[in-house]
Amino acid sequence: MIRINENYQKLKSSYLFADIARRVEKFQKDNPHREIIKLGIGDVTLPLPLACVKAMHQAVDEMAISSTFRGYGPEQGYGFLRQAISDSDFRSRGAAIDPDEIFISDGAKCDTGNIQEIFDANTVVAVTDPVYPVYVDTNVMAGRTGNFQDGRYQGLVYLESTRENSFIPDLPETPVDLIYLCYPNNPTGAVITRDELARWVEYAMKNKALILYDAAYEAFIRDPELPRSIYEIDGATQVAIEFRSFSKTAGFTGTRCAFTVVPRNCRAYDRQGREIMLHSLWNRRHSTKFNGVSYPVQKAALAVYSKEGQQQVLTNIEYYLGNARIIREKMEKLGFECTGGINSPYIWINGNKDSWSFFDDLLNKAGVVCTPGDGFGLCGKGYIRISAFNSLENVEKAMHRIESAL
């Protein structure tokens, strides 16, 4: 008798964005002539940078010629891209990350979800609240939690991120093994200072814990004093794995390219307490279950690091940050308390009412889609997230509609 993995039955009935999609679909069906502006899910709207498009075209042309055709590439990624990432994203900021410590993949979502496979089933996991749902759901699927009860999964340690602590949670009060951190944060838009991040690295070193650091939105950081990588902190290579993405940085949401950094001296422990280096474990998992990102896509990603590509990426980032500024200023003018939208594309808004009610108000009265904070955890109650990923025209139109509706 074939049996299912019963941990899947612990999952909440639906995924946050599926709930949103259903409500939007119903609204559209009931109001076929109403235009909807989507400022919810974080999908980019600007096209790929021209430098990336040119590089991809050139790579496709290479695939049409026998002498330059390429079949299976290295699962870890082509050396040309890994070297560029090492030089530009890390060594330029004083972080000694080598190319062979970088693993190219098809998405940070995939990597943050898959990384848990290399850890023991009894690992004690800590997540921030609010939290990106993938961190939680993949550990539920792996059997590291109890049932969902009173808004949380039993067995997980929730690190509350609230307005009182500026959405930077306190260190765990009970021992934990694996800590998920995300900065600039999704969904709150909060950023973390160098000193605050150093406290987490110190905690991990002292408690033999590991930090999974999601830096998918680091390109939006404009404050030069803020760290863009956890590896800017002394000792972090021993206790942290970092995730990055080209999705929001360069518009690769439909093209799929990201990378994960597992330093060679990053460690965990076996049952006897002996140090085990995680680099070789992730390399084995990655090589076994992943077949690599296509050559044209990796060449397009390489173009991000060209002089032309850097300028084009910066222009796109500034465009979205301009949208974020408009959203934040308008919502604050309307009397709402906001976080994010300065070094982040997300604006976290205290609606002073039930999140889903606020979501329904914006959808039904203004035709604007946001993301209810409830979907990110108990500490998200009363909040909504608005994304800056849309056209300037649509953002201005959405803010005008919201002002009229509220």
Protein backbone atom coordinates (compact mmCIF):
# COMPACT_ATOMS: atom_id res chain seq x y z
CA MET A 1 0.00 0.00 0.00
CA ILE A 2 1.52 3.29 -1.11
CA ARG A 3 1.30 5.90 1.63
CA ILE A 4 1.59 9.67 1.56
CA ASN A 5 3.92 11.91 3.52
CA GLU A 6 1.38 12.85 6.19
CA ASN A 7 3.30 15.98 7.09
CA TYR A 8 1.69 17.57 4.03
CA GLN A 9 -1.66 17.27 5.78
CA LYS A 10 -0.40 19.57 8.53
CA LEU A 11 -0.12 22.42 6.04
CA LYS A 12 -2.72 25.14 6.19
CA SER A 13 -5.46 24.62 3.64
CA SER A 14 -3.95 26.97 1.08
CA TYR A 15 -0.92 29.04 0.28
CA LEU A 16 -1.19 32.78 0.92
CA PHE A 17 -0.91 33.88 -2.69
CA ALA A 18 -3.39 31.24 -3.82
CA ASP A 19 -5.93 32.76 -1.42
CA ILE A 20 -5.27 36.19 -2.87
CA ALA A 21 -5.61 34.90 -6.43
CA ARG A 22 -9.00 33.35 -5.65
CA ARG A 23 -10.36 36.58 -4.19
CA VAL A 24 -9.06 38.61 -7.12
CA GLU A 25 -10.53 36.12 -9.60
CA LYS A 26 -13.94 36.35 -7.92
CA PHE A 27 -13.79 40.15 -7.91
CA GLN A 28 -12.87 40.20 -11.60
CA LYS A 29 -15.70 37.80 -12.42
CA ASP A 30 -18.20 39.93 -10.50
CA ASN A 31 -16.80 43.18 -11.92
CA PRO A 32 -15.65 42.37 -15.46
CA HIS A 33 -15.25 46.01 -16.46
CA ARG A 34 -13.24 47.13 -13.40
CA GLU A 35 -9.50 47.51 -13.90
CA ILE A 36 -7.37 45.87 -11.20
CA ILE A 37 -3.94 47.18 -10.23
CA LYS A 38 -1.80 44.51 -8.60
CA LEU A 39 0.58 45.71 -5.90
CA GLY A 40 0.60 42.42 -4.04
CA ILE A 41 2.91 39.64 -5.19
CA GLY A 42 6.49 40.77 -5.73
CA ASP A 43 6.84 40.20 -9.47
CA VAL A 44 8.80 42.73 -11.50
CA THR A 45 7.27 44.63 -14.41
CA LEU A 46 10.25 46.25 -16.14
CA PRO A 47 11.84 44.23 -18.97
CA LEU A 48 15.26 42.63 -18.68
CA PRO A 49 18.19 45.05 -18.87
CA LEU A 50 19.30 45.48 -22.49
CA ALA A 51 22.80 44.21 -21.66
CA CYS A 52 21.27 40.95 -20.44
CA VAL A 53 19.07 40.61 -23.52
CA LYS A 54 22.04 41.14 -25.83
CA ALA A 55 24.10 38.56 -23.94
CA MET A 56 21.27 36.05 -24.06
CA HIS A 57 20.84 36.53 -27.81
CA GLN A 58 24.56 36.01 -28.34
CA ALA A 59 24.49 32.85 -26.22
CA VAL A 60 21.53 31.48 -28.18
CA ASP A 61 23.45 32.13 -31.40
CA GLU A 62 26.34 30.12 -29.96
CA MET A 63 23.95 27.23 -29.34
CA ALA A 64 23.14 27.20 -33.07
CA ILE A 65 26.73 26.45 -34.10
CA SER A 66 28.40 23.08 -33.60
CA SER A 67 31.72 24.56 -32.50
CA THR A 68 30.18 26.69 -29.75
CA PHE A 69 27.18 24.53 -28.83
CA ARG A 70 26.98 23.53 -25.18
CA GLY A 71 25.08 20.63 -23.65
CA TYR A 72 24.93 19.88 -19.94
CA GLY A 73 26.81 22.48 -17.97
CA PRO A 74 28.28 22.14 -14.47
CA GLU A 75 25.48 21.76 -11.93
CA GLN A 76 27.21 24.30 -9.69
CA GLY A 77 27.24 26.90 -12.45
CA TYR A 78 29.68 28.08 -15.07
CA GLY A 79 32.97 29.42 -13.76
CA PHE A 80 32.59 32.76 -15.57
CA LEU A 81 29.45 33.62 -13.59
CA ARG A 82 30.71 32.32 -10.25
CA GLN A 83 33.90 34.37 -10.63
CA ALA A 84 31.97 37.55 -11.46
CA ILE A 85 29.72 37.06 -8.43
CA SER A 86 32.70 36.46 -6.16
CA ASP A 87 34.50 39.59 -7.36
CA SER A 88 31.55 41.98 -7.60
CA ASP A 89 29.15 40.95 -4.84
CA PHE A 90 31.55 39.85 -2.13
CA ARG A 91 35.26 40.63 -2.52
CA SER A 92 34.43 44.21 -3.50
CA ARG A 93 32.81 44.56 -0.05
CA GLY A 94 35.57 42.85 1.90
CA ALA A 95 33.90 39.43 2.06
CA ALA A 96 36.34 36.66 1.09
CA ILE A 97 33.98 34.39 -0.84
CA ASP A 98 35.58 32.20 -3.50
CA PRO A 99 33.89 31.18 -6.77
CA ASP A 100 33.68 27.51 -5.76
CA GLU A 101 31.65 28.49 -2.69
CA ILE A 102 28.88 29.84 -4.97
CA PHE A 103 26.17 27.57 -6.38
CA ILE A 104 24.09 28.88 -9.29
CA SER A 105 20.42 27.86 -9.18
CA ASP A 106 17.02 28.68 -10.67
CA GLY A 107 15.67 30.62 -7.70
CA ALA A 108 16.23 31.70 -4.12
CA LYS A 109 12.77 30.35 -3.28
CA CYS A 110 13.90 26.90 -4.43
CA ASP A 111 17.16 27.06 -2.50
CA THR A 112 15.68 28.37 0.75
CA GLY A 113 13.11 25.59 0.50
CA ASN A 114 15.57 22.84 -0.40
CA ILE A 115 18.44 23.67 1.96
CA GLN A 116 16.63 22.12 4.94
CA GLU A 117 17.12 18.66 3.40
CA ILE A 118 20.73 18.53 4.56
CA PHE A 119 19.80 18.94 8.24
CA ASP A 120 18.59 16.46 10.81
CA ALA A 121 14.84 15.91 11.14
CA ASN A 122 15.03 16.91 14.82
CA THR A 123 16.63 20.27 14.10
CA VAL A 124 15.07 23.07 16.18
CA VAL A 125 14.07 25.77 13.70
CA ALA A 126 13.58 29.47 14.46
CA VAL A 127 11.74 31.79 12.08
CA THR A 128 10.84 35.43 12.34
CA ASP A 129 7.18 36.40 12.59
CA PRO A 130 6.11 37.85 10.14
CA VAL A 131 7.82 35.29 7.90
CA TYR A 132 8.15 34.41 4.22
CA PRO A 133 5.88 31.31 4.12
CA VAL A 134 8.36 29.08 2.24
CA TYR A 135 10.65 28.87 5.28
CA VAL A 136 7.85 27.49 7.39
CA ASP A 137 6.03 25.28 4.90
CA THR A 138 9.12 23.37 3.78
CA ASN A 139 9.98 22.48 7.37
CA VAL A 140 6.40 21.38 7.95
CA MET A 141 6.70 19.10 4.90
CA ALA A 142 9.93 17.69 6.32
CA GLY A 143 8.28 16.78 9.61
CA ARG A 144 10.06 19.26 11.91
CA THR A 145 6.85 20.71 13.32
CA GLY A 146 3.71 19.68 15.08
CA ASN A 147 0.23 20.68 13.97
CA PHE A 148 -0.96 24.17 13.13
CA GLN A 149 -2.68 25.52 16.23
CA ASP A 150 -3.75 29.02 17.23
CA GLY A 151 -2.01 30.57 14.25
CA ARG A 152 1.36 28.82 14.61
CA TYR A 153 3.00 25.45 14.10
CA GLN A 154 3.92 23.61 17.24
CA GLY A 155 7.60 22.84 17.46
CA LEU A 156 8.81 25.96 15.64
CA VAL A 157 10.40 28.83 17.55
CA TYR A 158 8.86 32.12 16.44
CA LEU A 159 10.94 35.29 16.77
CA GLU A 160 8.48 38.14 16.98
CA SER A 161 9.20 41.17 14.79
CA THR A 162 7.02 44.10 15.80
CA ARG A 163 6.94 47.88 15.68
CA GLU A 164 8.24 47.85 19.27
CA ASN A 165 11.53 46.21 18.21
CA SER A 166 11.65 47.94 14.80
CA PHE A 167 10.94 44.56 13.18
CA ILE A 168 14.35 43.21 14.27
CA PRO A 169 13.57 40.30 16.62
CA ASP A 170 15.34 39.64 19.86
CA LEU A 171 17.75 36.72 20.12
CA PRO A 172 16.05 33.38 20.94
CA GLU A 173 15.27 32.80 24.60
CA THR A 174 15.52 29.03 24.16
CA PRO A 175 18.26 27.12 22.29
CA VAL A 176 17.73 26.78 18.54
CA ASP A 177 19.76 25.11 15.80
CA LEU A 178 18.66 26.76 12.56
CA ILE A 179 17.71 30.42 12.19
CA TYR A 180 16.05 31.98 9.12
CA LEU A 181 16.79 35.69 8.66
CA CYS A 182 15.81 37.87 5.69
CA TYR A 183 17.05 41.46 5.18
CA PRO A 184 15.92 43.69 3.61
CA ASN A 185 12.96 41.85 5.01
CA ASN A 186 10.10 40.30 3.13
CA PRO A 187 7.39 41.26 4.08
CA THR A 188 8.16 44.15 6.46
CA GLY A 189 10.75 46.02 4.39
CA ALA A 190 12.87 46.44 7.52
CA VAL A 191 16.66 46.49 7.25
CA ILE A 192 19.30 45.35 9.72
CA THR A 193 22.39 47.28 10.85
CA ARG A 194 25.90 45.87 10.95
CA ASP A 195 25.89 45.76 14.76
CA GLU A 196 22.52 44.03 14.90
CA LEU A 197 23.62 41.42 12.37
CA ALA A 198 26.86 40.88 14.30
CA ARG A 199 24.78 39.95 17.37
CA TRP A 200 23.16 37.13 15.39
CA VAL A 201 26.51 35.86 14.12
CA GLU A 202 27.88 35.93 17.66
CA TYR A 203 24.83 34.01 18.90
CA ALA A 204 25.23 31.35 16.20
CA MET A 205 28.92 30.89 16.99
CA LYS A 206 28.32 30.67 20.72
CA ASN A 207 25.41 28.22 20.39
CA LYS A 208 26.71 26.14 17.46
CA ALA A 209 23.71 27.23 15.43
CA LEU A 210 23.42 28.08 11.73
CA ILE A 211 21.90 31.15 10.07
CA LEU A 212 20.12 30.88 6.72
CA TYR A 213 20.40 34.44 5.44
CA ASP A 214 18.05 35.47 2.62
CA ALA A 215 19.53 38.54 0.94
CA ALA A 216 17.36 38.46 -2.18
CA TYR A 217 16.62 42.19 -1.89
CA GLU A 218 20.12 43.45 -1.06
CA ALA A 219 20.34 45.46 -4.31
CA PHE A 220 17.69 47.84 -2.94
CA ILE A 221 19.90 48.95 -0.05
CA ARG A 222 20.94 52.57 -0.59
CA ASP A 223 22.37 53.34 2.85
CA PRO A 224 26.14 52.67 2.57
CA GLU A 225 26.33 51.89 6.29
CA LEU A 226 24.03 48.88 5.99
CA PRO A 227 25.52 45.44 5.26
CA ARG A 228 24.51 43.87 1.95
CA SER A 229 25.91 40.46 2.86
CA ILE A 230 26.16 38.62 6.14
CA TYR A 231 29.74 37.79 5.18
CA GLU A 232 30.67 41.41 5.84
CA ILE A 233 30.49 40.34 9.50
CA ASP A 234 33.55 38.67 11.03
CA GLY A 235 33.06 34.95 11.59
CA ALA A 236 29.93 34.67 9.48
CA THR A 237 31.46 32.23 6.99
CA GLN A 238 31.50 29.62 9.78
CA VAL A 239 27.85 29.99 10.75
CA ALA A 240 25.85 31.29 7.78
CA ILE A 241 24.58 30.29 4.35
CA GLU A 242 23.46 33.18 2.14
CA PHE A 243 20.86 33.23 -0.65
CA ARG A 244 20.79 35.76 -3.49
CA SER A 245 18.66 36.20 -6.59
CA PHE A 246 18.72 37.95 -9.96
CA SER A 247 14.91 38.02 -9.93
CA LYS A 248 14.34 41.39 -8.29
CA THR A 249 17.86 42.71 -8.90
CA ALA A 250 17.74 42.37 -12.69
CA GLY A 251 14.19 41.27 -13.52
CA PHE A 252 14.89 37.54 -13.90
CA THR A 253 11.57 36.38 -12.40
CA GLY A 254 10.61 34.81 -15.73
CA THR A 255 14.15 33.81 -16.65
CA ARG A 256 15.16 32.12 -13.39
CA CYS A 257 18.65 32.57 -12.01
CA ALA A 258 19.90 32.85 -8.44
CA PHE A 259 22.72 31.59 -6.27
CA THR A 260 23.48 30.25 -2.83
CA VAL A 261 26.76 30.72 -0.97
CA VAL A 262 28.01 27.89 1.23
CA PRO A 263 31.49 28.77 2.52
CA ARG A 264 33.98 25.93 2.80
CA ASN A 265 34.38 26.49 6.55
CA CYS A 266 30.63 26.62 7.26
CA ARG A 267 29.89 23.79 9.67
CA ALA A 268 27.28 21.68 11.39
CA TYR A 269 27.66 18.58 13.56
CA ASP A 270 26.90 14.87 13.45
CA ARG A 271 25.33 12.86 16.27
CA GLN A 272 28.71 12.42 17.93
CA GLY A 273 29.26 16.19 17.94
CA ARG A 274 31.94 16.10 15.25
CA GLU A 275 32.21 19.05 12.87
CA ILE A 276 30.90 18.40 9.36
CA MET A 277 31.52 20.93 6.62
CA LEU A 278 28.25 21.86 4.86
CA HIS A 279 29.83 22.77 1.53
CA SER A 280 30.27 19.14 0.50
CA LEU A 281 26.76 18.20 1.65
CA TRP A 282 25.10 20.94 -0.36
CA ASN A 283 27.31 20.18 -3.34
CA ARG A 284 26.13 16.56 -3.23
CA ARG A 285 22.48 17.53 -2.89
CA HIS A 286 22.75 20.18 -5.60
CA SER A 287 24.54 17.84 -8.02
CA THR A 288 22.09 15.00 -7.40
CA LYS A 289 18.80 16.90 -7.63
CA PHE A 290 19.57 19.86 -9.88
CA ASN A 291 20.71 19.87 -13.50
CA GLY A 292 21.98 23.42 -13.76
CA VAL A 293 20.78 26.75 -15.13
CA SER A 294 20.89 27.04 -18.92
CA TYR A 295 23.94 28.56 -20.60
CA PRO A 296 22.04 31.49 -22.22
CA VAL A 297 20.53 32.47 -18.87
CA GLN A 298 23.90 32.35 -17.11
CA LYS A 299 25.43 34.50 -19.84
CA ALA A 300 22.58 36.96 -19.36
CA ALA A 301 23.28 36.98 -15.61
CA LEU A 302 26.97 37.60 -16.29
CA ALA A 303 25.99 40.72 -18.22
CA VAL A 304 24.53 42.13 -15.00
CA TYR A 305 28.14 42.69 -13.88
CA SER A 306 29.23 44.54 -17.01
CA LYS A 307 29.54 48.33 -16.85
CA GLU A 308 26.46 48.67 -19.07
CA GLY A 309 24.55 46.08 -17.06
CA GLN A 310 25.34 47.67 -13.71
CA GLN A 311 24.01 51.03 -14.87
CA GLN A 312 20.85 49.50 -16.32
CA VAL A 313 20.19 47.46 -13.18
CA LEU A 314 20.71 50.55 -11.02
CA THR A 315 18.24 52.47 -13.17
CA ASN A 316 15.61 49.77 -12.69
CA ILE A 317 16.21 49.56 -8.94
CA GLU A 318 15.87 53.35 -8.63
CA TYR A 319 12.64 53.18 -10.63
CA TYR A 320 11.09 50.72 -8.17
CA LEU A 321 12.41 52.66 -5.17
CA GLY A 322 10.76 55.75 -6.65
CA ASN A 323 7.48 53.83 -6.72
CA ALA A 324 8.06 52.75 -3.12
CA ARG A 325 8.61 56.34 -2.05
CA ILE A 326 5.32 57.41 -3.65
CA ILE A 327 3.44 54.59 -1.90
CA ARG A 328 4.97 55.25 1.49
CA GLU A 329 4.49 59.02 1.35
CA LYS A 330 0.86 58.68 0.28
CA MET A 331 -0.01 56.11 2.95
CA GLU A 332 1.70 58.19 5.65
CA LYS A 333 -0.19 61.25 4.43
CA LEU A 334 -3.40 59.24 4.87
CA GLY A 335 -2.39 58.61 8.50
CA PHE A 336 -0.97 55.09 8.28
CA GLU A 337 2.21 54.01 10.02
CA CYS A 338 4.67 52.51 7.53
CA THR A 339 7.94 50.57 7.52
CA GLY A 340 10.13 49.83 4.50
CA GLY A 341 10.03 51.49 1.11
CA ILE A 342 13.42 53.19 1.60
CA ASN A 343 15.99 50.42 1.29
CA SER A 344 13.36 47.92 0.22
CA PRO A 345 10.68 47.52 -2.48
CA TYR A 346 8.07 46.60 0.13
CA ILE A 347 6.00 48.91 2.32
CA TRP A 348 4.56 47.37 5.50
CA ILE A 349 1.48 49.29 6.54
CA ASN A 350 -0.34 49.23 9.86
CA GLY A 351 -3.97 49.28 8.80
CA ASN A 352 -5.36 49.45 12.34
CA LYS A 353 -7.91 46.80 11.36
CA ASP A 354 -8.12 43.15 10.29
CA SER A 355 -5.65 42.49 7.45
CA TRP A 356 -8.08 40.63 5.21
CA SER A 357 -10.73 43.33 5.78
CA PHE A 358 -8.25 45.97 4.70
CA PHE A 359 -7.32 43.80 1.69
CA ASP A 360 -11.00 43.50 0.73
CA ASP A 361 -11.52 47.25 1.15
CA LEU A 362 -8.67 48.10 -1.20
CA LEU A 363 -9.78 45.49 -3.72
CA ASN A 364 -13.50 46.29 -3.68
CA LYS A 365 -13.33 50.06 -3.27
CA ALA A 366 -10.13 50.92 -5.14
CA GLY A 367 -9.49 47.92 -7.38
CA VAL A 368 -6.01 47.59 -5.86
CA VAL A 369 -4.48 44.28 -4.78
CA CYS A 370 -2.15 44.22 -1.76
CA THR A 371 -0.98 41.36 0.47
CA PRO A 372 -2.65 40.84 3.88
CA GLY A 373 -0.18 40.64 6.74
CA ASP A 374 -2.09 37.75 8.33
CA GLY A 375 -0.61 35.47 5.69
CA PHE A 376 2.87 36.04 7.07
CA GLY A 377 2.14 35.14 10.69
CA LEU A 378 0.45 36.28 13.89
CA CYS A 379 2.58 39.41 14.11
CA GLY A 380 1.28 40.38 10.68
CA LYS A 381 -2.26 40.82 11.97
CA GLY A 382 -3.52 44.30 11.23
CA TYR A 383 -0.91 44.95 8.55
CA ILE A 384 -0.80 44.83 4.77
CA ARG A 385 2.18 44.72 2.41
CA ILE A 386 2.21 46.86 -0.72
CA SER A 387 4.79 46.13 -3.41
CA ALA A 388 6.55 48.72 -5.54
CA PHE A 389 6.83 46.30 -8.46
CA ASN A 390 4.61 47.92 -11.04
CA SER A 391 4.70 50.80 -13.49
CA LEU A 392 4.94 54.37 -12.22
CA GLU A 393 1.64 55.09 -13.98
CA ASN A 394 -0.13 52.27 -12.18
CA VAL A 395 1.38 53.16 -8.81
CA GLU A 396 0.24 56.77 -9.12
CA LYS A 397 -3.20 55.64 -10.27
CA ALA A 398 -3.45 53.13 -7.41
CA MET A 399 -2.51 55.72 -4.80
CA HIS A 400 -5.10 58.15 -6.18
CA ARG A 401 -7.76 55.42 -6.00
CA ILE A 402 -6.75 54.47 -2.45
CA GLU A 403 -6.86 58.10 -1.33
CA SER A 404 -10.36 58.48 -2.84
CA ALA A 405 -11.58 55.22 -1.31
CA LEU A 406 -10.24 55.83 2.19
